[in-house]
Amino acid sequence: MAESHGVFLPTGSKIYACRVMVNRKRHSTSTGCTSKRDAKAFSRRWKEFLVAEARAAKAAVPQVTMLQAVNRYMTEAGEKLVAADQIE
């Protein structure tokens, strides 16, 4: 069974479009291609790009420890509480 790679021909158009899912998010765009073979190749390359972009974004997120989170809370919100000295 052949995969379609989310490539489809919109009604009334000669240019194929594609739809892919990355990290449970749907992305769709026009391929700019008039042949289905070229549109499938575009779709594969575009999905690889989106996956690489998602991995890079995930790697860029800093890991926060519990102590860092508590310190941040106390400086941003905890000091404004009525009994801030009792919360610590």
C-alpha atoms as a PDB file:
ATOM      1  CA  MET A   1       0.000   0.000   0.000  1.00  0.00           C
ATOM      2  CA  ALA A   2       1.418   3.371  -1.008  1.00  0.00           C
ATOM      3  CA  GLU A   3       1.559   6.337   1.336  1.00  0.00           C
ATOM      4  CA  SER A   4       0.050   9.594   0.168  1.00  0.00           C
ATOM      5  CA  HIS A   5       2.241  11.735   2.486  1.00  0.00           C
ATOM      6  CA  GLY A   6      -0.757  14.015   2.946  1.00  0.00           C
ATOM      7  CA  VAL A   7      -0.569  15.193  -0.659  1.00  0.00           C
ATOM      8  CA  PHE A   8      -3.843  16.199  -2.249  1.00  0.00           C
ATOM      9  CA  LEU A   9      -5.174  18.270  -5.102  1.00  0.00           C
ATOM     10  CA  PRO A  10      -7.526  21.015  -3.834  1.00  0.00           C
ATOM     11  CA  THR A  11     -10.769  21.491  -5.740  1.00  0.00           C
ATOM     12  CA  GLY A  12     -10.304  23.763  -8.741  1.00  0.00           C
ATOM     13  CA  SER A  13      -6.504  23.902  -8.427  1.00  0.00           C
ATOM     14  CA  LYS A  14      -3.689  22.497 -10.546  1.00  0.00           C
ATOM     15  CA  ILE A  15      -1.154  22.821  -7.721  1.00  0.00           C
ATOM     16  CA  TYR A  16      -0.918  20.110  -5.071  1.00  0.00           C
ATOM     17  CA  ALA A  17      -1.066  20.869  -1.359  1.00  0.00           C
ATOM     18  CA  CYS A  18       0.201  18.772   1.535  1.00  0.00           C
ATOM     19  CA  ARG A  19      -0.685  18.224   5.172  1.00  0.00           C
ATOM     20  CA  VAL A  20       1.626  16.647   7.774  1.00  0.00           C
ATOM     21  CA  MET A  21       1.467  16.050  11.521  1.00  0.00           C
ATOM     22  CA  VAL A  22       4.457  16.850  13.747  1.00  0.00           C
ATOM     23  CA  ASN A  23       4.179  16.698  17.552  1.00  0.00           C
ATOM     24  CA  ARG A  24       0.391  16.342  17.321  1.00  0.00           C
ATOM     25  CA  LYS A  25       0.136  19.585  15.364  1.00  0.00           C
ATOM     26  CA  ARG A  26      -1.183  19.723  11.831  1.00  0.00           C
ATOM     27  CA  HIS A  27       0.791  21.749   9.296  1.00  0.00           C
ATOM     28  CA  SER A  28      -0.414  22.377   5.762  1.00  0.00           C
ATOM     29  CA  THR A  29       0.965  24.302   2.823  1.00  0.00           C
ATOM     30  CA  SER A  30       0.926  24.518  -0.933  1.00  0.00           C
ATOM     31  CA  THR A  31       3.692  22.497  -2.553  1.00  0.00           C
ATOM     32  CA  GLY A  32       3.922  24.640  -5.661  1.00  0.00           C
ATOM     33  CA  CYS A  33       4.126  21.412  -7.688  1.00  0.00           C
ATOM     34  CA  THR A  34       1.839  20.295 -10.495  1.00  0.00           C
ATOM     35  CA  SER A  35       2.924  16.638 -10.484  1.00  0.00           C
ATOM     36  CA  LYS A  36       2.073  14.276  -7.648  1.00  0.00           C
ATOM     37  CA  ARG A  37       5.578  12.776  -7.589  1.00  0.00           C
ATOM     38  CA  ASP A  38       7.203  16.175  -7.049  1.00  0.00           C
ATOM     39  CA  ALA A  39       4.574  17.062  -4.445  1.00  0.00           C
ATOM     40  CA  LYS A  40       5.331  13.857  -2.471  1.00  0.00           C
ATOM     41  CA  ALA A  41       9.059  14.638  -2.558  1.00  0.00           C
ATOM     42  CA  PHE A  42       8.340  18.192  -1.357  1.00  0.00           C
ATOM     43  CA  SER A  43       6.138  16.819   1.428  1.00  0.00           C
ATOM     44  CA  ARG A  44       8.888  14.447   2.645  1.00  0.00           C
ATOM     45  CA  ARG A  45      11.496  17.232   2.693  1.00  0.00           C
ATOM     46  CA  TRP A  46       9.121  19.650   4.431  1.00  0.00           C
ATOM     47  CA  LYS A  47       8.238  17.096   7.119  1.00  0.00           C
ATOM     48  CA  GLU A  48      11.938  16.378   7.727  1.00  0.00           C
ATOM     49  CA  PHE A  49      12.490  20.123   8.126  1.00  0.00           C
ATOM     50  CA  LEU A  50       9.588  20.466  10.584  1.00  0.00           C
ATOM     51  CA  VAL A  51      10.820  17.498  12.638  1.00  0.00           C
ATOM     52  CA  ALA A  52      14.346  18.939  12.804  1.00  0.00           C
ATOM     53  CA  GLU A  53      12.923  22.333  13.802  1.00  0.00           C
ATOM     54  CA  ALA A  54      10.821  20.739  16.565  1.00  0.00           C
ATOM     55  CA  ARG A  55      13.823  18.809  17.907  1.00  0.00           C
ATOM     56  CA  ALA A  56      15.940  21.966  17.957  1.00  0.00           C
ATOM     57  CA  ALA A  57      13.217  23.870  19.809  1.00  0.00           C
ATOM     58  CA  LYS A  58      12.903  21.084  22.360  1.00  0.00           C
ATOM     59  CA  ALA A  59      16.670  21.001  22.906  1.00  0.00           C
ATOM     60  CA  ALA A  60      16.753  24.781  23.436  1.00  0.00           C
ATOM     61  CA  VAL A  61      14.364  24.652  26.395  1.00  0.00           C
ATOM     62  CA  PRO A  62      16.396  24.881  29.624  1.00  0.00           C
ATOM     63  CA  GLN A  63      15.769  22.323  32.354  1.00  0.00           C
ATOM     64  CA  VAL A  64      14.552  23.932  35.578  1.00  0.00           C
ATOM     65  CA  THR A  65      15.114  22.327  38.951  1.00  0.00           C
ATOM     66  CA  MET A  66      12.557  22.412  41.749  1.00  0.00           C
ATOM     67  CA  LEU A  67      14.745  24.786  43.782  1.00  0.00           C
ATOM     68  CA  GLN A  68      15.021  27.194  40.852  1.00  0.00           C
ATOM     69  CA  ALA A  69      11.250  27.123  40.374  1.00  0.00           C
ATOM     70  CA  VAL A  70      10.589  27.830  44.064  1.00  0.00           C
ATOM     71  CA  ASN A  71      13.111  30.679  44.121  1.00  0.00           C
ATOM     72  CA  ARG A  72      11.533  32.215  41.023  1.00  0.00           C
ATOM     73  CA  TYR A  73       8.049  31.923  42.529  1.00  0.00           C
ATOM     74  CA  MET A  74       9.146  33.557  45.761  1.00  0.00           C
ATOM     75  CA  THR A  75      10.812  36.481  43.976  1.00  0.00           C
ATOM     76  CA  GLU A  76       7.955  37.063  41.512  1.00  0.00           C
ATOM     77  CA  ALA A  77       4.814  36.271  43.507  1.00  0.00           C
ATOM     78  CA  GLY A  78       5.670  35.116  47.013  1.00  0.00           C
ATOM     79  CA  GLU A  79       6.993  38.451  48.246  1.00  0.00           C
ATOM     80  CA  LYS A  80       3.658  40.099  47.486  1.00  0.00           C
ATOM     81  CA  LEU A  81       1.707  37.729  49.710  1.00  0.00           C
ATOM     82  CA  VAL A  82       0.541  38.882  53.118  1.00  0.00           C
ATOM     83  CA  ALA A  83       2.323  36.115  54.992  1.00  0.00           C
ATOM     84  CA  ALA A  84       5.348  35.727  52.696  1.00  0.00           C
ATOM     85  CA  ASP A  85       7.700  35.023  55.595  1.00  0.00           C
ATOM     86  CA  GLN A  86       5.467  32.162  56.783  1.00  0.00           C
ATOM     87  CA  ILE A  87       5.350  30.519  53.321  1.00  0.00           C
ATOM     88  CA  GLU A  88       9.076  29.898  53.186  1.00  0.00           C
END
